[in-house]
């Protein structure tokens, strides 16, 4: 997948920018390396999975005044408002 994506990115870049012929190989290598690193990090993040909050963290996040979000740390008075801001 990263080879096809590398090709698309380099072709799009060269369509809008001038680059000496001897610089194309370096551009291909750098784009491919960057995409491979992103792909490696994504695979590592998928393997680890999302970290679940502990029972103590959940208890502390629910207060009489507000619900504390795990995503942004902000207090919300209504759960519906929090979910609406997240697009749910």
PDB file of N, CA and C in Angstrom:
ATOM      1  N   UNK A   1       0.820  -1.194   0.000  1.00  0.00           N
ATOM      2  CA  UNK A   1       0.000   0.000   0.000  1.00  0.00           C
ATOM      3  C   UNK A   1       0.861   1.254   0.000  1.00  0.00           C
ATOM      4  N   UNK A   2       1.932   1.253   0.755  1.00  0.00           N
ATOM      5  CA  UNK A   2       2.728   2.472   0.857  1.00  0.00           C
ATOM      6  C   UNK A   2       3.443   2.801  -0.463  1.00  0.00           C
ATOM      7  N   UNK A   3       3.697   1.815  -1.302  1.00  0.00           N
ATOM      8  CA  UNK A   3       4.345   2.092  -2.591  1.00  0.00           C
ATOM      9  C   UNK A   3       3.393   2.853  -3.507  1.00  0.00           C
ATOM     10  N   UNK A   4       2.141   2.412  -3.567  1.00  0.00           N
ATOM     11  CA  UNK A   4       1.153   3.111  -4.400  1.00  0.00           C
ATOM     12  C   UNK A   4       0.903   4.514  -3.873  1.00  0.00           C
ATOM     13  N   UNK A   5       0.817   4.661  -2.553  1.00  0.00           N
ATOM     14  CA  UNK A   5       0.601   5.975  -1.957  1.00  0.00           C
ATOM     15  C   UNK A   5       1.812   6.874  -2.172  1.00  0.00           C
ATOM     16  N   UNK A   6       3.000   6.298  -2.072  1.00  0.00           N
ATOM     17  CA  UNK A   6       4.227   7.060  -2.352  1.00  0.00           C
ATOM     18  C   UNK A   6       4.199   7.586  -3.782  1.00  0.00           C
ATOM     19  N   UNK A   7       3.800   6.748  -4.700  1.00  0.00           N
ATOM     20  CA  UNK A   7       3.718   7.137  -6.107  1.00  0.00           C
ATOM     21  C   UNK A   7       2.747   8.301  -6.284  1.00  0.00           C
ATOM     22  N   UNK A   8       1.578   8.194  -5.684  1.00  0.00           N
ATOM     23  CA  UNK A   8       0.574   9.256  -5.822  1.00  0.00           C
ATOM     24  C   UNK A   8       1.060  10.576  -5.241  1.00  0.00           C
ATOM     25  N   UNK A   9       1.699  10.517  -4.077  1.00  0.00           N
ATOM     26  CA  UNK A   9       2.181  11.745  -3.432  1.00  0.00           C
ATOM     27  C   UNK A   9       3.280  12.393  -4.262  1.00  0.00           C
ATOM     28  N   UNK A  10       4.226  11.598  -4.734  1.00  0.00           N
ATOM     29  CA  UNK A  10       5.344  12.143  -5.513  1.00  0.00           C
ATOM     30  C   UNK A  10       4.857  12.707  -6.834  1.00  0.00           C
ATOM     31  N   UNK A  11       3.955  12.030  -7.506  1.00  0.00           N
ATOM     32  CA  UNK A  11       3.414  12.536  -8.774  1.00  0.00           C
ATOM     33  C   UNK A  11       2.671  13.847  -8.546  1.00  0.00           C
ATOM     34  N   UNK A  12       1.872  13.915  -7.498  1.00  0.00           N
ATOM     35  CA  UNK A  12       1.143  15.153  -7.201  1.00  0.00           C
ATOM     36  C   UNK A  12       2.112  16.291  -6.869  1.00  0.00           C
ATOM     37  N   UNK A  13       3.161  15.993  -6.132  1.00  0.00           N
ATOM     38  CA  UNK A  13       4.150  17.015  -5.787  1.00  0.00           C
ATOM     39  C   UNK A  13       4.867  17.524  -7.030  1.00  0.00           C
ATOM     40  N   UNK A  14       5.286  16.586  -7.884  1.00  0.00           N
ATOM     41  CA  UNK A  14       6.021  16.972  -9.088  1.00  0.00           C
ATOM     42  C   UNK A  14       5.140  17.702 -10.097  1.00  0.00           C
ATOM     43  N   UNK A  15       3.848  17.491 -10.051  1.00  0.00           N
ATOM     44  CA  UNK A  15       2.943  18.187 -10.962  1.00  0.00           C
ATOM     45  C   UNK A  15       2.882  19.678 -10.627  1.00  0.00           C
ATOM     46  N   UNK A  16       3.130  20.033  -9.387  1.00  0.00           N
ATOM     47  CA  UNK A  16       3.028  21.433  -8.956  1.00  0.00           C
ATOM     48  C   UNK A  16       4.365  22.092  -8.651  1.00  0.00           C
ATOM     49  N   UNK A  17       5.430  21.306  -8.548  1.00  0.00           N
ATOM     50  CA  UNK A  17       6.737  21.835  -8.154  1.00  0.00           C
ATOM     51  C   UNK A  17       7.817  21.374  -9.111  1.00  0.00           C
ATOM     52  N   UNK A  18       8.822  22.208  -9.271  1.00  0.00           N
ATOM     53  CA  UNK A  18       9.967  21.840 -10.089  1.00  0.00           C
ATOM     54  C   UNK A  18      11.028  21.224  -9.192  1.00  0.00           C
ATOM     55  N   UNK A  19      11.621  20.139  -9.686  1.00  0.00           N
ATOM     56  CA  UNK A  19      12.653  19.454  -8.933  1.00  0.00           C
ATOM     57  C   UNK A  19      13.662  18.915  -9.940  1.00  0.00           C
ATOM     58  N   UNK A  20      14.954  19.080  -9.669  1.00  0.00           N
ATOM     59  CA  UNK A  20      15.952  18.516 -10.588  1.00  0.00           C
ATOM     60  C   UNK A  20      15.797  17.005 -10.680  1.00  0.00           C
ATOM     61  N   UNK A  21      16.172  16.457 -11.797  1.00  0.00           N
ATOM     62  CA  UNK A  21      15.998  15.018 -12.030  1.00  0.00           C
ATOM     63  C   UNK A  21      16.714  14.182 -10.979  1.00  0.00           C
ATOM     64  N   UNK A  22      17.874  14.643 -10.523  1.00  0.00           N
ATOM     65  CA  UNK A  22      18.596  13.858  -9.525  1.00  0.00           C
ATOM     66  C   UNK A  22      17.961  13.950  -8.131  1.00  0.00           C
ATOM     67  N   UNK A  23      17.000  14.842  -7.939  1.00  0.00           N
ATOM     68  CA  UNK A  23      16.330  14.974  -6.656  1.00  0.00           C
ATOM     69  C   UNK A  23      15.102  14.094  -6.516  1.00  0.00           C
ATOM     70  N   UNK A  24      14.644  13.518  -7.619  1.00  0.00           N
ATOM     71  CA  UNK A  24      13.431  12.695  -7.587  1.00  0.00           C
ATOM     72  C   UNK A  24      13.650  11.429  -6.758  1.00  0.00           C
ATOM     73  N   UNK A  25      14.812  10.817  -6.895  1.00  0.00           N
ATOM     74  CA  UNK A  25      15.093   9.590  -6.138  1.00  0.00           C
ATOM     75  C   UNK A  25      15.077   9.876  -4.636  1.00  0.00           C
ATOM     76  N   UNK A  26      15.677  10.966  -4.230  1.00  0.00           N
ATOM     77  CA  UNK A  26      15.678  11.327  -2.810  1.00  0.00           C
ATOM     78  C   UNK A  26      14.274  11.613  -2.300  1.00  0.00           C
ATOM     79  N   UNK A  27      13.463  12.254  -3.144  1.00  0.00           N
ATOM     80  CA  UNK A  27      12.080  12.537  -2.774  1.00  0.00           C
ATOM     81  C   UNK A  27      11.300  11.237  -2.592  1.00  0.00           C
ATOM     82  N   UNK A  28      11.483  10.295  -3.504  1.00  0.00           N
ATOM     83  CA  UNK A  28      10.816   8.999  -3.389  1.00  0.00           C
ATOM     84  C   UNK A  28      11.198   8.286  -2.093  1.00  0.00           C
ATOM     85  N   UNK A  29      12.474   8.292  -1.784  1.00  0.00           N
ATOM     86  CA  UNK A  29      12.949   7.616  -0.578  1.00  0.00           C
ATOM     87  C   UNK A  29      12.391   8.282   0.673  1.00  0.00           C
ATOM     88  N   UNK A  30      12.418   9.604   0.710  1.00  0.00           N
ATOM     89  CA  UNK A  30      11.957  10.286   1.923  1.00  0.00           C
ATOM     90  C   UNK A  30      10.451  10.126   2.127  1.00  0.00           C
ATOM     91  N   UNK A  31       9.682  10.186   1.051  1.00  0.00           N
ATOM     92  CA  UNK A  31       8.230  10.008   1.175  1.00  0.00           C
ATOM     93  C   UNK A  31       7.913   8.570   1.595  1.00  0.00           C
ATOM     94  N   UNK A  32       8.577   7.608   0.985  1.00  0.00           N
ATOM     95  CA  UNK A  32       8.340   6.204   1.331  1.00  0.00           C
ATOM     96  C   UNK A  32       8.735   5.932   2.782  1.00  0.00           C
ATOM     97  N   UNK A  33       9.841   6.475   3.231  1.00  0.00           N
ATOM     98  CA  UNK A  33      10.277   6.288   4.613  1.00  0.00           C
ATOM     99  C   UNK A  33       9.268   6.883   5.589  1.00  0.00           C
ATOM    100  N   UNK A  34       8.773   8.073   5.285  1.00  0.00           N
ATOM    101  CA  UNK A  34       7.796   8.724   6.158  1.00  0.00           C
ATOM    102  C   UNK A  34       6.502   7.916   6.225  1.00  0.00           C
ATOM    103  N   UNK A  35       6.036   7.426   5.092  1.00  0.00           N
ATOM    104  CA  UNK A  35       4.808   6.621   5.090  1.00  0.00           C
ATOM    105  C   UNK A  35       4.996   5.288   5.817  1.00  0.00           C
ATOM    106  N   UNK A  36       6.161   4.681   5.669  1.00  0.00           N
ATOM    107  CA  UNK A  36       6.433   3.428   6.373  1.00  0.00           C
ATOM    108  C   UNK A  36       6.443   3.661   7.883  1.00  0.00           C
ATOM    109  N   UNK A  37       6.980   4.787   8.331  1.00  0.00           N
ATOM    110  CA  UNK A  37       6.984   5.107   9.756  1.00  0.00           C
ATOM    111  C   UNK A  37       5.569   5.326  10.278  1.00  0.00           C
ATOM    112  N   UNK A  38       4.754   6.029   9.517  1.00  0.00           N
ATOM    113  CA  UNK A  38       3.364   6.245   9.919  1.00  0.00           C
ATOM    114  C   UNK A  38       2.624   4.906   9.999  1.00  0.00           C
ATOM    115  N   UNK A  39       2.824   4.069   9.014  1.00  0.00           N
ATOM    116  CA  UNK A  39       2.176   2.751   8.998  1.00  0.00           C
ATOM    117  C   UNK A  39       2.629   1.905  10.190  1.00  0.00           C
ATOM    118  N   UNK A  40       3.918   1.962  10.514  1.00  0.00           N
ATOM    119  CA  UNK A  40       4.446   1.203  11.654  1.00  0.00           C
ATOM    120  C   UNK A  40       3.828   1.697  12.956  1.00  0.00           C
ATOM    121  N   UNK A  41       3.705   3.011  13.109  1.00  0.00           N
ATOM    122  CA  UNK A  41       3.119   3.563  14.329  1.00  0.00           C
ATOM    123  C   UNK A  41       1.637   3.207  14.448  1.00  0.00           C
ATOM    124  N   UNK A  42       0.933   3.225  13.328  1.00  0.00           N
ATOM    125  CA  UNK A  42      -0.490   2.870  13.363  1.00  0.00           C
ATOM    126  C   UNK A  42      -0.680   1.409  13.745  1.00  0.00           C
ATOM    127  N   UNK A  43       0.159   0.544  13.233  1.00  0.00           N
ATOM    128  CA  UNK A  43       0.058  -0.870  13.587  1.00  0.00           C
ATOM    129  C   UNK A  43       0.371  -1.070  15.062  1.00  0.00           C
ATOM    130  N   UNK A  44       1.330  -0.336  15.591  1.00  0.00           N
ATOM    131  CA  UNK A  44       1.658  -0.427  17.009  1.00  0.00           C
ATOM    132  C   UNK A  44       0.531   0.080  17.881  1.00  0.00           C
ATOM    133  N   UNK A  45      -0.135   1.139  17.450  1.00  0.00           N
ATOM    134  CA  UNK A  45      -1.254   1.687  18.219  1.00  0.00           C
ATOM    135  C   UNK A  45      -2.445   0.734  18.199  1.00  0.00           C
ATOM    136  N   UNK A  46      -2.671   0.064  17.073  1.00  0.00           N
ATOM    137  CA  UNK A  46      -3.772  -0.893  16.975  1.00  0.00           C
ATOM    138  C   UNK A  46      -3.516  -2.107  17.861  1.00  0.00           C
ATOM    139  N   UNK A  47      -2.265  -2.542  17.923  1.00  0.00           N
ATOM    140  CA  UNK A  47      -1.941  -3.716  18.727  1.00  0.00           C
ATOM    141  C   UNK A  47      -2.123  -3.426  20.210  1.00  0.00           C
ATOM    142  N   UNK A  48      -1.761  -2.217  20.624  1.00  0.00           N
ATOM    143  CA  UNK A  48      -1.880  -1.865  22.040  1.00  0.00           C
ATOM    144  C   UNK A  48      -3.342  -1.700  22.434  1.00  0.00           C
ATOM    145  N   UNK A  49      -4.153  -1.182  21.526  1.00  0.00           N
ATOM    146  CA  UNK A  49      -5.565  -0.965  21.812  1.00  0.00           C
ATOM    147  C   UNK A  49      -5.764   0.238  22.722  1.00  0.00           C
ATOM    148  N   UNK A  50      -6.986   0.664  22.857  1.00  0.00           N
ATOM    149  CA  UNK A  50      -7.248   1.812  23.723  1.00  0.00           C
ATOM    150  C   UNK A  50      -7.108   1.410  25.182  1.00  0.00           C
ATOM    151  N   UNK A  51      -6.547   2.307  25.970  1.00  0.00           N
ATOM    152  CA  UNK A  51      -6.415   2.007  27.391  1.00  0.00           C
ATOM    153  C   UNK A  51      -7.735   2.313  28.089  1.00  0.00           C
ATOM    154  N   UNK A  52      -8.190   1.379  28.882  1.00  0.00           N
ATOM    155  CA  UNK A  52      -9.452   1.546  29.588  1.00  0.00           C
ATOM    156  C   UNK A  52      -9.197   2.206  30.936  1.00  0.00           C
ATOM    157  N   UNK A  53     -10.091   3.090  31.351  1.00  0.00           N
ATOM    158  CA  UNK A  53      -9.905   3.734  32.654  1.00  0.00           C
ATOM    159  C   UNK A  53     -10.143   2.739  33.786  1.00  0.00           C
ATOM    160  N   UNK A  54      -9.463   2.979  34.880  1.00  0.00           N
ATOM    161  CA  UNK A  54      -9.644   2.116  36.044  1.00  0.00           C
ATOM    162  C   UNK A  54     -10.925   2.512  36.779  1.00  0.00           C
ATOM    163  N   UNK A  55     -11.334   1.704  37.724  1.00  0.00           N
ATOM    164  CA  UNK A  55     -12.543   2.010  38.485  1.00  0.00           C
ATOM    165  C   UNK A  55     -12.378   3.309  39.268  1.00  0.00           C
ATOM    166  N   UNK A  56     -11.196   3.531  39.804  1.00  0.00           N
ATOM    167  CA  UNK A  56     -10.964   4.767  40.561  1.00  0.00           C
ATOM    168  C   UNK A  56     -11.061   5.998  39.663  1.00  0.00           C
ATOM    169  N   UNK A  57     -10.538   5.895  38.436  1.00  0.00           N
ATOM    170  CA  UNK A  57     -10.622   7.027  37.512  1.00  0.00           C
ATOM    171  C   UNK A  57     -12.076   7.321  37.148  1.00  0.00           C
ATOM    172  N   UNK A  58     -12.861   6.277  36.966  1.00  0.00           N
ATOM    173  CA  UNK A  58     -14.274   6.472  36.639  1.00  0.00           C
ATOM    174  C   UNK A  58     -14.991   7.136  37.808  1.00  0.00           C
ATOM    175  N   UNK A  59     -14.731   6.665  39.025  1.00  0.00           N
ATOM    176  CA  UNK A  59     -15.374   7.269  40.204  1.00  0.00           C
ATOM    177  C   UNK A  59     -15.017   8.745  40.351  1.00  0.00           C
ATOM    178  N   UNK A  60     -13.761   9.080  40.123  1.00  0.00           N
ATOM    179  CA  UNK A  60     -13.335  10.484  40.245  1.00  0.00           C
ATOM    180  C   UNK A  60     -13.902  11.359  39.137  1.00  0.00           C
ATOM    181  N   UNK A  61     -14.216  10.767  37.996  1.00  0.00           N
ATOM    182  CA  UNK A  61     -14.716  11.572  36.875  1.00  0.00           C
ATOM    183  C   UNK A  61     -16.185  11.950  37.029  1.00  0.00           C
ATOM    184  N   UNK A  62     -16.897  11.275  37.909  1.00  0.00           N
ATOM    185  CA  UNK A  62     -18.318  11.570  38.114  1.00  0.00           C
ATOM    186  C   UNK A  62     -18.458  12.310  39.438  1.00  0.00           C
ATOM    187  N   UNK A  63     -18.774  13.592  39.332  1.00  0.00           N
ATOM    188  CA  UNK A  63     -18.934  14.426  40.520  1.00  0.00           C
ATOM    189  C   UNK A  63     -20.349  14.983  40.544  1.00  0.00           C
ATOM    190  N   UNK A  64     -20.800  15.500  41.679  1.00  0.00           N
ATOM    191  CA  UNK A  64     -22.134  16.099  41.737  1.00  0.00           C
ATOM    192  C   UNK A  64     -22.265  17.333  40.828  1.00  0.00           C
ATOM    193  N   UNK A  65     -21.150  18.009  40.577  1.00  0.00           N
ATOM    194  CA  UNK A  65     -21.195  19.220  39.755  1.00  0.00           C
ATOM    195  C   UNK A  65     -21.152  18.922  38.258  1.00  0.00           C
ATOM    196  N   UNK A  66     -20.381  17.915  37.859  1.00  0.00           N
ATOM    197  CA  UNK A  66     -20.200  17.692  36.425  1.00  0.00           C
ATOM    198  C   UNK A  66     -19.633  16.301  36.168  1.00  0.00           C
ATOM    199  N   UNK A  67     -19.660  15.943  34.901  1.00  0.00           N
ATOM    200  CA  UNK A  67     -19.031  14.721  34.409  1.00  0.00           C
ATOM    201  C   UNK A  67     -17.717  15.148  33.753  1.00  0.00           C
ATOM    202  N   UNK A  68     -16.599  14.582  34.184  1.00  0.00           N
ATOM    203  CA  UNK A  68     -15.296  14.945  33.640  1.00  0.00           C
ATOM    204  C   UNK A  68     -14.995  14.012  32.470  1.00  0.00           C
ATOM    205  N   UNK A  69     -14.715  14.594  31.322  1.00  0.00           N
ATOM    206  CA  UNK A  69     -14.453  13.812  30.112  1.00  0.00           C
ATOM    207  C   UNK A  69     -13.059  13.201  30.157  1.00  0.00           C
ATOM    208  N   UNK A  70     -12.930  11.941  29.744  1.00  0.00           N
ATOM    209  CA  UNK A  70     -11.620  11.312  29.619  1.00  0.00           C
ATOM    210  C   UNK A  70     -10.908  11.775  28.364  1.00  0.00           C
ATOM    211  N   UNK A  71     -11.648  12.251  27.370  1.00  0.00           N
ATOM    212  CA  UNK A  71     -11.054  12.653  26.107  1.00  0.00           C
ATOM    213  C   UNK A  71     -10.371  14.007  26.181  1.00  0.00           C
ATOM    214  N   UNK A  72     -11.038  14.997  26.788  1.00  0.00           N
ATOM    215  CA  UNK A  72     -10.446  16.332  26.816  1.00  0.00           C
ATOM    216  C   UNK A  72     -10.280  16.898  28.220  1.00  0.00           C
ATOM    217  N   UNK A  73     -10.717  16.170  29.248  1.00  0.00           N
ATOM    218  CA  UNK A  73     -10.535  16.609  30.618  1.00  0.00           C
ATOM    219  C   UNK A  73     -11.442  17.737  31.069  1.00  0.00           C
ATOM    220  N   UNK A  74     -12.387  18.117  30.226  1.00  0.00           N
ATOM    221  CA  UNK A  74     -13.285  19.222  30.557  1.00  0.00           C
ATOM    222  C   UNK A  74     -14.504  18.699  31.303  1.00  0.00           C
ATOM    223  N   UNK A  75     -15.022  19.514  32.217  1.00  0.00           N
ATOM    224  CA  UNK A  75     -16.249  19.109  32.914  1.00  0.00           C
ATOM    225  C   UNK A  75     -17.481  19.433  32.064  1.00  0.00           C
ATOM    226  N   UNK A  76     -18.449  18.546  32.081  1.00  0.00           N
ATOM    227  CA  UNK A  76     -19.705  18.752  31.359  1.00  0.00           C
ATOM    228  C   UNK A  76     -20.859  18.583  32.340  1.00  0.00           C
ATOM    229  N   UNK A  77     -21.787  19.518  32.306  1.00  0.00           N
ATOM    230  CA  UNK A  77     -22.960  19.460  33.188  1.00  0.00           C
ATOM    231  C   UNK A  77     -23.962  18.414  32.707  1.00  0.00           C
ATOM    232  N   UNK A  78     -24.079  18.291  31.398  1.00  0.00           N
ATOM    233  CA  UNK A  78     -25.029  17.341  30.830  1.00  0.00           C
ATOM    234  C   UNK A  78     -24.288  16.358  29.928  1.00  0.00           C
ATOM    235  N   UNK A  79     -24.620  15.106  30.056  1.00  0.00           N
ATOM    236  CA  UNK A  79     -23.997  14.094  29.222  1.00  0.00           C
ATOM    237  C   UNK A  79     -24.368  14.304  27.756  1.00  0.00           C
ATOM    238  N   UNK A  80     -25.585  14.748  27.497  1.00  0.00           N
ATOM    239  CA  UNK A  80     -26.002  14.955  26.111  1.00  0.00           C
ATOM    240  C   UNK A  80     -25.166  16.037  25.438  1.00  0.00           C
ATOM    241  N   UNK A  81     -24.798  17.073  26.168  1.00  0.00           N
ATOM    242  CA  UNK A  81     -23.975  18.137  25.592  1.00  0.00           C
ATOM    243  C   UNK A  81     -22.593  17.595  25.236  1.00  0.00           C
ATOM    244  N   UNK A  82     -22.051  16.793  26.107  1.00  0.00           N
ATOM    245  CA  UNK A  82     -20.736  16.189  25.846  1.00  0.00           C
ATOM    246  C   UNK A  82     -20.785  15.295  24.612  1.00  0.00           C
ATOM    247  N   UNK A  83     -21.809  14.471  24.525  1.00  0.00           N
ATOM    248  CA  UNK A  83     -21.926  13.573  23.395  1.00  0.00           C
ATOM    249  C   UNK A  83     -22.174  14.333  22.101  1.00  0.00           C
ATOM    250  N   UNK A  84     -22.926  15.411  22.167  1.00  0.00           N
ATOM    251  CA  UNK A  84     -23.189  16.232  20.983  1.00  0.00           C
ATOM    252  C   UNK A  84     -21.910  16.862  20.467  1.00  0.00           C
ATOM    253  N   UNK A  85     -21.051  17.303  21.357  1.00  0.00           N
ATOM    254  CA  UNK A  85     -19.777  17.901  20.929  1.00  0.00           C
ATOM    255  C   UNK A  85     -18.871  16.871  20.287  1.00  0.00           C
ATOM    256  N   UNK A  86     -19.046  15.618  20.622  1.00  0.00           N
ATOM    257  CA  UNK A  86     -18.257  14.538  20.036  1.00  0.00           C
ATOM    258  C   UNK A  86     -18.911  13.985  18.779  1.00  0.00           C
ATOM    259  N   UNK A  87     -20.048  14.517  18.391  1.00  0.00           N
ATOM    260  CA  UNK A  87     -20.723  14.066  17.179  1.00  0.00           C
ATOM    261  C   UNK A  87     -21.500  12.780  17.359  1.00  0.00           C
ATOM    262  N   UNK A  88     -21.849  12.474  18.592  1.00  0.00           N
ATOM    263  CA  UNK A  88     -22.598  11.231  18.847  1.00  0.00           C
ATOM    264  C   UNK A  88     -24.067  11.527  19.090  1.00  0.00           C
TER     265      UNK A  88
END
